[in-house]
């Protein structure tokens, strides 16, 4: 599932945009009164990330048109809440593959909750990540295609190696398999 989300959000981290996170939030604040609270919340979170020694994030980080940053396409407030140092280098880096995958795994784990992991719980966690029924279907369809060996073994191994560096998260059903 992690690989599916990472592929959809950023073409496995390769997709680049010309938008800049802080510029997006400033524009929303100035020109869209319905998004002022959102813009202020996310700009504040971005500044907290930027000022913190724990995170490696620029104020003018490349972003989606809505200000989502990194290969995981997380809003700054989400990255602040769910970001993890998955590669144990003492920095939560928005450009690190391991930290992006760690963010996604941590976000999903928190939204799956405790107890038995059901298909419905997985769908709810994906929906929390990006609220849209078509998005949930797309993620699950791509996950199915990955299982049918439509993605390279090299990337699958890279994802799994990154996940194994997050011991508390690998108890969840996130490891990519090639069944």
N, C-alpha and C. Protein backbone atom coordinates (compact mmCIF):
# COMPACT_ATOMS: atom_id res chain seq x y z
N UNK A 1 0.82 -1.19 0.00
CA UNK A 1 0.00 0.00 0.00
C UNK A 1 0.87 1.26 0.00
N UNK A 2 1.99 1.21 0.72
CA UNK A 2 2.88 2.37 0.75
C UNK A 2 3.39 2.72 -0.64
N UNK A 3 3.77 1.70 -1.37
CA UNK A 3 4.28 1.93 -2.72
C UNK A 3 3.18 2.53 -3.58
N UNK A 4 1.97 2.06 -3.44
CA UNK A 4 0.84 2.60 -4.21
C UNK A 4 0.66 4.09 -3.91
N UNK A 5 0.61 4.44 -2.65
CA UNK A 5 0.44 5.84 -2.27
C UNK A 5 1.60 6.70 -2.77
N UNK A 6 2.81 6.20 -2.60
CA UNK A 6 4.00 6.96 -3.01
C UNK A 6 4.02 7.16 -4.53
N UNK A 7 3.62 6.14 -5.27
CA UNK A 7 3.53 6.24 -6.74
C UNK A 7 2.49 7.28 -7.15
N UNK A 8 1.31 7.20 -6.56
CA UNK A 8 0.23 8.12 -6.91
C UNK A 8 0.58 9.56 -6.55
N UNK A 9 1.14 9.75 -5.38
CA UNK A 9 1.41 11.10 -4.90
C UNK A 9 2.57 11.79 -5.63
N UNK A 10 3.60 11.02 -6.02
CA UNK A 10 4.78 11.70 -6.59
C UNK A 10 5.55 10.90 -7.63
N UNK A 11 4.91 9.89 -8.21
CA UNK A 11 5.63 9.04 -9.17
C UNK A 11 6.92 8.51 -8.55
N UNK A 12 6.78 7.93 -7.37
CA UNK A 12 7.88 7.35 -6.59
C UNK A 12 8.95 8.39 -6.25
N UNK A 13 8.50 9.61 -5.98
CA UNK A 13 9.40 10.68 -5.57
C UNK A 13 10.06 11.42 -6.71
N UNK A 14 9.73 11.09 -7.94
CA UNK A 14 10.38 11.70 -9.10
C UNK A 14 9.65 12.93 -9.64
N UNK A 15 8.39 13.09 -9.31
CA UNK A 15 7.60 14.20 -9.84
C UNK A 15 8.02 15.50 -9.20
N UNK A 16 8.30 16.49 -9.98
CA UNK A 16 8.70 17.81 -9.49
C UNK A 16 7.69 18.86 -9.95
N UNK A 17 7.48 19.85 -9.13
CA UNK A 17 6.52 20.90 -9.48
C UNK A 17 7.19 22.26 -9.36
N UNK A 18 6.55 23.27 -9.92
CA UNK A 18 7.08 24.63 -9.81
C UNK A 18 6.40 25.42 -8.70
N UNK A 19 5.41 24.83 -8.05
CA UNK A 19 4.75 25.50 -6.93
C UNK A 19 5.69 25.52 -5.73
N UNK A 20 5.51 26.48 -4.85
CA UNK A 20 6.28 26.57 -3.61
C UNK A 20 5.30 26.70 -2.45
N UNK A 21 5.52 25.89 -1.43
CA UNK A 21 4.56 25.75 -0.33
C UNK A 21 4.14 27.10 0.27
N UNK A 22 5.09 27.90 0.71
CA UNK A 22 4.72 29.16 1.37
C UNK A 22 3.99 30.08 0.42
N UNK A 23 4.40 30.11 -0.85
CA UNK A 23 3.70 30.94 -1.83
C UNK A 23 2.24 30.52 -1.96
N UNK A 24 2.00 29.21 -1.94
CA UNK A 24 0.62 28.70 -2.01
C UNK A 24 -0.20 29.20 -0.84
N UNK A 25 0.35 29.10 0.36
CA UNK A 25 -0.40 29.50 1.55
C UNK A 25 -0.64 31.01 1.58
N UNK A 26 0.33 31.79 1.16
CA UNK A 26 0.16 33.25 1.08
C UNK A 26 -0.94 33.59 0.08
N UNK A 27 -0.91 32.92 -1.08
CA UNK A 27 -1.93 33.17 -2.10
C UNK A 27 -3.32 32.81 -1.59
N UNK A 28 -3.44 31.64 -0.95
CA UNK A 28 -4.74 31.25 -0.39
C UNK A 28 -5.22 32.28 0.61
N UNK A 29 -4.33 32.72 1.48
CA UNK A 29 -4.71 33.67 2.52
C UNK A 29 -5.18 34.99 1.93
N UNK A 30 -4.46 35.49 0.92
CA UNK A 30 -4.78 36.79 0.34
C UNK A 30 -5.97 36.77 -0.61
N UNK A 31 -6.14 35.68 -1.34
CA UNK A 31 -7.10 35.70 -2.44
C UNK A 31 -8.30 34.78 -2.30
N UNK A 32 -8.34 33.97 -1.26
CA UNK A 32 -9.47 33.05 -1.09
C UNK A 32 -9.90 33.07 0.37
N UNK A 33 -10.91 33.89 0.67
CA UNK A 33 -11.32 34.05 2.07
C UNK A 33 -11.80 32.75 2.69
N UNK A 34 -12.27 31.81 1.88
CA UNK A 34 -12.71 30.51 2.39
C UNK A 34 -11.55 29.62 2.84
N UNK A 35 -10.35 29.95 2.39
CA UNK A 35 -9.18 29.13 2.74
C UNK A 35 -8.21 29.84 3.68
N UNK A 36 -8.63 30.94 4.26
CA UNK A 36 -7.73 31.69 5.13
C UNK A 36 -7.30 30.90 6.36
N UNK A 37 -8.22 30.24 7.02
CA UNK A 37 -7.86 29.46 8.21
C UNK A 37 -6.92 28.31 7.84
N UNK A 38 -7.24 27.63 6.74
CA UNK A 38 -6.37 26.56 6.24
C UNK A 38 -4.97 27.11 5.95
N UNK A 39 -4.91 28.22 5.24
CA UNK A 39 -3.62 28.81 4.85
C UNK A 39 -2.81 29.22 6.08
N UNK A 40 -3.45 29.82 7.05
CA UNK A 40 -2.76 30.25 8.26
C UNK A 40 -2.25 29.05 9.06
N UNK A 41 -3.08 28.02 9.20
CA UNK A 41 -2.67 26.80 9.91
C UNK A 41 -1.47 26.14 9.23
N UNK A 42 -1.53 26.00 7.91
CA UNK A 42 -0.46 25.31 7.20
C UNK A 42 0.81 26.15 7.11
N UNK A 43 0.68 27.46 6.94
CA UNK A 43 1.86 28.33 6.93
C UNK A 43 2.54 28.31 8.29
N UNK A 44 1.75 28.31 9.35
CA UNK A 44 2.31 28.24 10.71
C UNK A 44 3.04 26.92 10.92
N UNK A 45 2.44 25.82 10.47
CA UNK A 45 3.10 24.50 10.59
C UNK A 45 4.38 24.46 9.77
N UNK A 46 4.37 25.05 8.59
CA UNK A 46 5.57 25.07 7.74
C UNK A 46 6.69 25.85 8.42
N UNK A 47 6.36 26.96 9.04
CA UNK A 47 7.38 27.74 9.76
C UNK A 47 7.92 26.94 10.95
N UNK A 48 7.05 26.22 11.66
CA UNK A 48 7.51 25.38 12.78
C UNK A 48 8.48 24.31 12.28
N UNK A 49 8.14 23.67 11.16
CA UNK A 49 9.04 22.66 10.58
C UNK A 49 10.38 23.28 10.22
N UNK A 50 10.33 24.43 9.59
CA UNK A 50 11.54 25.13 9.13
C UNK A 50 12.42 25.55 10.30
N UNK A 51 11.82 26.03 11.38
CA UNK A 51 12.59 26.51 12.53
C UNK A 51 13.15 25.38 13.39
N UNK A 52 12.52 24.23 13.35
CA UNK A 52 12.92 23.12 14.20
C UNK A 52 14.20 22.46 13.70
N UNK A 53 15.06 22.10 14.62
CA UNK A 53 16.29 21.38 14.27
C UNK A 53 16.00 19.90 14.00
N UNK A 54 14.81 19.47 14.34
CA UNK A 54 14.41 18.07 14.16
C UNK A 54 14.00 17.77 12.71
N UNK A 55 13.61 18.80 11.97
CA UNK A 55 13.12 18.63 10.60
C UNK A 55 14.03 19.33 9.59
N UNK A 56 14.05 18.80 8.37
CA UNK A 56 14.77 19.45 7.28
C UNK A 56 13.74 19.78 6.20
N UNK A 57 13.25 21.03 6.24
CA UNK A 57 12.22 21.50 5.34
C UNK A 57 12.49 22.98 5.04
N UNK A 58 12.30 23.37 3.80
CA UNK A 58 12.45 24.76 3.39
C UNK A 58 11.09 25.45 3.40
N UNK A 59 11.07 26.75 3.65
CA UNK A 59 9.82 27.50 3.56
C UNK A 59 9.27 27.48 2.14
N UNK A 60 10.17 27.42 1.18
CA UNK A 60 9.75 27.44 -0.22
C UNK A 60 9.99 26.08 -0.87
N UNK A 61 9.63 25.07 -0.08
CA UNK A 61 9.72 23.68 -0.52
C UNK A 61 8.85 23.49 -1.76
N UNK A 62 9.33 22.74 -2.77
CA UNK A 62 8.44 22.42 -3.89
C UNK A 62 7.19 21.72 -3.35
N UNK A 63 6.03 22.05 -3.93
CA UNK A 63 4.78 21.52 -3.38
C UNK A 63 3.75 21.33 -4.48
N UNK A 64 2.64 20.74 -4.08
CA UNK A 64 1.47 20.70 -4.97
C UNK A 64 0.85 22.09 -4.96
N UNK A 65 -0.16 22.30 -5.79
CA UNK A 65 -0.83 23.60 -5.81
C UNK A 65 -1.48 23.92 -4.48
N UNK A 66 -1.74 22.90 -3.65
CA UNK A 66 -2.36 23.13 -2.35
C UNK A 66 -1.35 23.25 -1.22
N UNK A 67 -0.04 23.14 -1.54
CA UNK A 67 0.99 23.29 -0.52
C UNK A 67 1.47 21.99 0.09
N UNK A 68 1.04 20.85 -0.44
CA UNK A 68 1.50 19.55 0.06
C UNK A 68 2.95 19.34 -0.38
N UNK A 69 3.79 18.87 0.54
CA UNK A 69 5.23 18.80 0.30
C UNK A 69 5.76 17.37 0.33
N UNK A 70 6.92 17.19 -0.28
CA UNK A 70 7.62 15.91 -0.25
C UNK A 70 7.01 14.88 -1.18
N UNK A 71 7.71 13.76 -1.30
CA UNK A 71 7.22 12.67 -2.12
C UNK A 71 5.92 12.08 -1.58
N UNK A 72 5.70 12.25 -0.29
CA UNK A 72 4.46 11.76 0.33
C UNK A 72 3.31 12.74 0.15
N UNK A 73 3.62 13.94 -0.35
CA UNK A 73 2.63 14.99 -0.56
C UNK A 73 1.80 15.26 0.69
N UNK A 74 2.51 15.53 1.78
CA UNK A 74 1.87 15.81 3.06
C UNK A 74 1.72 17.31 3.26
N UNK A 75 0.62 17.70 3.84
CA UNK A 75 0.50 19.10 4.26
C UNK A 75 1.46 19.28 5.44
N UNK A 76 2.00 20.48 5.61
CA UNK A 76 2.96 20.69 6.70
C UNK A 76 2.43 20.28 8.08
N UNK A 77 1.15 20.54 8.36
CA UNK A 77 0.61 20.17 9.68
C UNK A 77 0.61 18.64 9.85
N UNK A 78 0.36 17.91 8.78
CA UNK A 78 0.40 16.45 8.85
C UNK A 78 1.84 15.95 9.01
N UNK A 79 2.77 16.56 8.28
CA UNK A 79 4.17 16.15 8.40
C UNK A 79 4.68 16.43 9.81
N UNK A 80 4.25 17.53 10.38
CA UNK A 80 4.61 17.88 11.76
C UNK A 80 4.05 16.84 12.74
N UNK A 81 2.84 16.39 12.50
CA UNK A 81 2.18 15.44 13.41
C UNK A 81 2.62 13.99 13.22
N UNK A 82 2.92 13.58 11.99
CA UNK A 82 3.16 12.17 11.70
C UNK A 82 4.54 11.86 11.14
N UNK A 83 5.37 12.87 10.96
CA UNK A 83 6.71 12.65 10.42
C UNK A 83 7.55 11.81 11.37
N UNK A 84 8.36 10.92 10.79
CA UNK A 84 9.25 10.07 11.59
C UNK A 84 10.64 10.04 10.95
N UNK A 85 11.63 9.88 11.79
CA UNK A 85 13.01 9.73 11.33
C UNK A 85 13.25 8.25 11.03
N UNK A 86 12.80 7.83 9.87
CA UNK A 86 12.81 6.41 9.53
C UNK A 86 14.21 5.86 9.25
N UNK A 87 15.14 6.71 8.86
CA UNK A 87 16.50 6.23 8.57
C UNK A 87 17.48 6.51 9.71
N UNK A 88 16.97 6.95 10.85
CA UNK A 88 17.76 7.15 12.08
C UNK A 88 18.97 8.06 11.89
N UNK A 89 18.80 9.13 11.11
CA UNK A 89 19.90 10.09 10.95
C UNK A 89 19.69 11.35 11.80
N UNK A 90 18.73 11.29 12.72
CA UNK A 90 18.40 12.36 13.66
C UNK A 90 17.70 13.56 13.01
N UNK A 91 17.28 13.43 11.75
CA UNK A 91 16.58 14.50 11.05
C UNK A 91 15.38 13.88 10.33
N UNK A 92 14.23 14.55 10.41
CA UNK A 92 13.07 14.15 9.62
C UNK A 92 13.10 15.02 8.37
N UNK A 93 13.52 14.41 7.27
CA UNK A 93 13.83 15.13 6.04
C UNK A 93 12.74 14.90 5.00
N UNK A 94 12.11 15.97 4.52
CA UNK A 94 11.04 15.87 3.54
C UNK A 94 11.52 15.30 2.21
N UNK A 95 12.83 15.32 1.97
CA UNK A 95 13.38 14.79 0.72
C UNK A 95 13.90 13.36 0.85
N UNK A 96 13.87 12.80 2.03
CA UNK A 96 14.38 11.44 2.28
C UNK A 96 13.30 10.41 1.94
N UNK A 97 13.67 9.43 1.12
CA UNK A 97 12.74 8.36 0.77
C UNK A 97 12.27 7.64 2.04
N UNK A 98 13.20 7.28 2.88
CA UNK A 98 12.85 6.55 4.11
C UNK A 98 11.90 7.37 4.98
N UNK A 99 12.18 8.66 5.15
CA UNK A 99 11.33 9.51 6.00
C UNK A 99 9.95 9.72 5.37
N UNK A 100 9.88 9.80 4.04
CA UNK A 100 8.58 9.91 3.36
C UNK A 100 7.77 8.64 3.57
N UNK A 101 8.40 7.49 3.38
CA UNK A 101 7.70 6.22 3.58
C UNK A 101 7.33 6.04 5.05
N UNK A 102 8.22 6.47 5.93
CA UNK A 102 7.92 6.41 7.36
C UNK A 102 6.72 7.27 7.72
N UNK A 103 6.64 8.45 7.11
CA UNK A 103 5.48 9.33 7.32
C UNK A 103 4.20 8.61 6.90
N UNK A 104 4.20 8.06 5.69
CA UNK A 104 3.00 7.38 5.18
C UNK A 104 2.61 6.23 6.10
N UNK A 105 3.59 5.41 6.49
CA UNK A 105 3.31 4.27 7.36
C UNK A 105 2.76 4.72 8.71
N UNK A 106 3.37 5.74 9.28
CA UNK A 106 2.92 6.25 10.57
C UNK A 106 1.50 6.84 10.46
N UNK A 107 1.25 7.60 9.41
CA UNK A 107 -0.07 8.19 9.20
C UNK A 107 -1.13 7.09 9.10
N UNK A 108 -0.85 6.09 8.27
CA UNK A 108 -1.81 4.99 8.10
C UNK A 108 -2.01 4.22 9.40
N UNK A 109 -0.91 3.95 10.10
CA UNK A 109 -1.00 3.22 11.37
C UNK A 109 -1.89 3.95 12.37
N UNK A 110 -1.72 5.25 12.47
CA UNK A 110 -2.54 6.05 13.41
C UNK A 110 -4.01 6.06 13.00
N UNK A 111 -4.26 6.04 11.69
CA UNK A 111 -5.64 6.08 11.22
C UNK A 111 -6.29 4.70 11.12
N UNK A 112 -5.49 3.65 11.19
CA UNK A 112 -6.06 2.30 11.25
C UNK A 112 -6.57 2.00 12.65
N UNK A 113 -5.92 2.59 13.62
CA UNK A 113 -6.32 2.36 14.99
C UNK A 113 -5.80 1.03 15.51
N UNK A 114 -6.33 0.61 16.62
CA UNK A 114 -5.91 -0.64 17.25
C UNK A 114 -6.89 -1.74 16.90
N UNK A 115 -6.45 -2.96 17.10
CA UNK A 115 -7.33 -4.09 16.84
C UNK A 115 -7.12 -4.69 15.47
N UNK A 116 -8.08 -5.50 15.07
CA UNK A 116 -7.99 -6.23 13.82
C UNK A 116 -8.04 -5.26 12.63
N UNK A 117 -7.13 -5.49 11.69
CA UNK A 117 -7.10 -4.67 10.48
C UNK A 117 -8.01 -5.30 9.44
N UNK A 118 -9.11 -4.63 9.17
CA UNK A 118 -10.07 -5.11 8.19
C UNK A 118 -9.93 -4.32 6.89
N UNK A 119 -10.53 -4.81 5.83
CA UNK A 119 -10.52 -4.09 4.56
C UNK A 119 -11.15 -2.71 4.74
N UNK A 120 -12.22 -2.64 5.49
CA UNK A 120 -12.91 -1.36 5.74
C UNK A 120 -11.98 -0.39 6.49
N UNK A 121 -11.24 -0.89 7.47
CA UNK A 121 -10.30 -0.04 8.22
C UNK A 121 -9.21 0.49 7.29
N UNK A 122 -8.72 -0.36 6.40
CA UNK A 122 -7.70 0.07 5.44
C UNK A 122 -8.27 1.15 4.53
N UNK A 123 -9.49 0.96 4.05
CA UNK A 123 -10.12 1.95 3.19
C UNK A 123 -10.31 3.28 3.93
N UNK A 124 -10.69 3.23 5.20
CA UNK A 124 -10.85 4.46 5.99
C UNK A 124 -9.51 5.17 6.17
N UNK A 125 -8.44 4.41 6.40
CA UNK A 125 -7.12 5.02 6.58
C UNK A 125 -6.66 5.70 5.29
N UNK A 126 -6.88 5.04 4.16
CA UNK A 126 -6.53 5.66 2.87
C UNK A 126 -7.37 6.91 2.64
N UNK A 127 -8.65 6.84 2.97
CA UNK A 127 -9.55 7.98 2.81
C UNK A 127 -9.11 9.15 3.69
N UNK A 128 -8.61 8.86 4.89
CA UNK A 128 -8.10 9.92 5.76
C UNK A 128 -6.87 10.58 5.13
N UNK A 129 -6.07 9.79 4.42
CA UNK A 129 -4.86 10.31 3.77
C UNK A 129 -5.23 11.26 2.64
N UNK A 130 -6.24 10.91 1.88
CA UNK A 130 -6.70 11.76 0.78
C UNK A 130 -8.18 11.46 0.56
N UNK A 131 -9.06 12.33 1.07
CA UNK A 131 -10.49 12.04 1.07
C UNK A 131 -11.13 12.05 -0.32
N UNK A 132 -11.28 10.88 -0.85
CA UNK A 132 -11.95 10.70 -2.14
C UNK A 132 -12.12 9.22 -2.39
N UNK A 133 -13.33 8.81 -2.71
CA UNK A 133 -13.57 7.38 -2.93
C UNK A 133 -12.82 6.87 -4.15
N UNK A 134 -12.70 7.70 -5.19
CA UNK A 134 -11.94 7.30 -6.38
C UNK A 134 -10.46 7.10 -6.02
N UNK A 135 -9.94 7.94 -5.12
CA UNK A 135 -8.55 7.82 -4.68
C UNK A 135 -8.33 6.48 -3.96
N UNK A 136 -9.24 6.14 -3.07
CA UNK A 136 -9.15 4.87 -2.33
C UNK A 136 -9.14 3.70 -3.32
N UNK A 137 -10.04 3.74 -4.28
CA UNK A 137 -10.10 2.68 -5.30
C UNK A 137 -8.80 2.61 -6.09
N UNK A 138 -8.27 3.77 -6.45
CA UNK A 138 -7.03 3.83 -7.22
C UNK A 138 -5.87 3.21 -6.43
N UNK A 139 -5.74 3.56 -5.16
CA UNK A 139 -4.67 3.02 -4.31
C UNK A 139 -4.78 1.50 -4.22
N UNK A 140 -5.96 1.00 -3.97
CA UNK A 140 -6.15 -0.44 -3.81
C UNK A 140 -5.96 -1.18 -5.14
N UNK A 141 -6.36 -0.56 -6.24
CA UNK A 141 -6.14 -1.17 -7.56
C UNK A 141 -4.66 -1.24 -7.87
N UNK A 142 -3.95 -0.14 -7.61
CA UNK A 142 -2.51 -0.13 -7.86
C UNK A 142 -1.80 -1.13 -6.96
N UNK A 143 -2.25 -1.25 -5.71
CA UNK A 143 -1.68 -2.26 -4.80
C UNK A 143 -1.84 -3.65 -5.40
N UNK A 144 -2.98 -3.92 -5.97
CA UNK A 144 -3.24 -5.22 -6.61
C UNK A 144 -2.31 -5.43 -7.81
N UNK A 145 -2.08 -4.38 -8.59
CA UNK A 145 -1.18 -4.47 -9.75
C UNK A 145 0.26 -4.73 -9.30
N UNK A 146 0.65 -4.11 -8.20
CA UNK A 146 1.99 -4.33 -7.66
C UNK A 146 2.16 -5.80 -7.29
N UNK A 147 1.14 -6.35 -6.67
CA UNK A 147 1.19 -7.77 -6.30
C UNK A 147 1.29 -8.67 -7.53
N UNK A 148 0.82 -8.19 -8.67
CA UNK A 148 0.91 -8.97 -9.91
C UNK A 148 2.24 -8.74 -10.63
N UNK A 149 3.21 -8.17 -9.89
CA UNK A 149 4.58 -7.96 -10.40
C UNK A 149 4.67 -6.95 -11.53
N UNK A 150 3.87 -5.89 -11.44
CA UNK A 150 3.93 -4.84 -12.43
C UNK A 150 4.89 -3.73 -12.03
N UNK A 151 5.55 -3.90 -10.92
CA UNK A 151 6.51 -2.89 -10.46
C UNK A 151 7.83 -3.60 -10.17
N UNK A 152 8.92 -2.90 -10.27
CA UNK A 152 10.23 -3.55 -10.17
C UNK A 152 10.53 -4.07 -8.77
N UNK A 153 11.18 -5.19 -8.73
CA UNK A 153 11.59 -5.80 -7.47
C UNK A 153 12.56 -4.88 -6.73
N UNK A 154 13.39 -4.16 -7.47
CA UNK A 154 14.35 -3.24 -6.84
C UNK A 154 13.65 -2.21 -5.97
N UNK A 155 12.57 -1.59 -6.48
CA UNK A 155 11.87 -0.59 -5.68
C UNK A 155 11.14 -1.23 -4.51
N UNK A 156 10.54 -2.39 -4.74
CA UNK A 156 9.87 -3.11 -3.66
C UNK A 156 10.85 -3.37 -2.52
N UNK A 157 12.05 -3.82 -2.85
CA UNK A 157 13.07 -4.07 -1.82
C UNK A 157 13.47 -2.79 -1.12
N UNK A 158 13.59 -1.69 -1.87
CA UNK A 158 13.94 -0.40 -1.28
C UNK A 158 12.88 0.04 -0.28
N UNK A 159 11.61 -0.11 -0.65
CA UNK A 159 10.51 0.24 0.25
C UNK A 159 10.56 -0.63 1.50
N UNK A 160 10.69 -1.93 1.32
CA UNK A 160 10.71 -2.83 2.48
C UNK A 160 11.91 -2.57 3.38
N UNK A 161 13.08 -2.31 2.82
CA UNK A 161 14.25 -1.99 3.63
C UNK A 161 14.00 -0.74 4.46
N UNK A 162 13.35 0.26 3.85
CA UNK A 162 13.03 1.49 4.58
C UNK A 162 12.06 1.20 5.71
N UNK A 163 11.07 0.35 5.45
CA UNK A 163 10.08 0.02 6.48
C UNK A 163 10.68 -0.77 7.62
N UNK A 164 11.61 -1.64 7.32
CA UNK A 164 12.21 -2.45 8.37
C UNK A 164 13.02 -1.62 9.34
N UNK A 165 13.36 -0.39 8.95
CA UNK A 165 14.08 0.50 9.86
C UNK A 165 13.12 1.20 10.82
N UNK A 166 11.83 0.87 10.73
CA UNK A 166 10.82 1.45 11.62
C UNK A 166 10.17 0.31 12.39
N UNK A 167 10.84 -0.26 13.38
CA UNK A 167 10.36 -1.48 14.05
C UNK A 167 8.94 -1.41 14.57
N UNK A 168 8.52 -0.28 15.12
CA UNK A 168 7.18 -0.23 15.71
C UNK A 168 6.08 -0.22 14.66
N UNK A 169 6.42 0.03 13.40
CA UNK A 169 5.40 0.09 12.36
C UNK A 169 5.30 -1.18 11.54
N UNK A 170 6.31 -2.02 11.54
CA UNK A 170 6.27 -3.20 10.67
C UNK A 170 5.34 -4.29 11.17
N UNK A 171 4.75 -4.09 12.32
CA UNK A 171 3.77 -5.06 12.77
C UNK A 171 2.45 -4.88 12.02
N UNK A 172 2.29 -3.77 11.34
CA UNK A 172 1.11 -3.53 10.53
C UNK A 172 1.32 -4.12 9.13
N UNK A 173 0.27 -4.31 8.37
CA UNK A 173 0.38 -4.97 7.06
C UNK A 173 0.85 -4.03 5.96
N UNK A 174 2.02 -3.43 6.13
CA UNK A 174 2.50 -2.46 5.15
C UNK A 174 3.57 -3.01 4.23
N UNK A 175 4.27 -4.06 4.67
CA UNK A 175 5.35 -4.55 3.82
C UNK A 175 4.80 -4.96 2.47
N UNK A 176 5.49 -4.55 1.44
CA UNK A 176 5.09 -4.87 0.09
C UNK A 176 5.43 -6.32 -0.19
N UNK A 177 4.52 -7.02 -0.78
CA UNK A 177 4.79 -8.41 -1.12
C UNK A 177 4.65 -8.62 -2.62
N UNK A 178 5.29 -9.66 -3.10
CA UNK A 178 5.19 -9.99 -4.51
C UNK A 178 4.65 -11.41 -4.62
N UNK A 179 3.46 -11.61 -4.09
CA UNK A 179 2.82 -12.94 -4.03
C UNK A 179 2.38 -13.37 -5.41
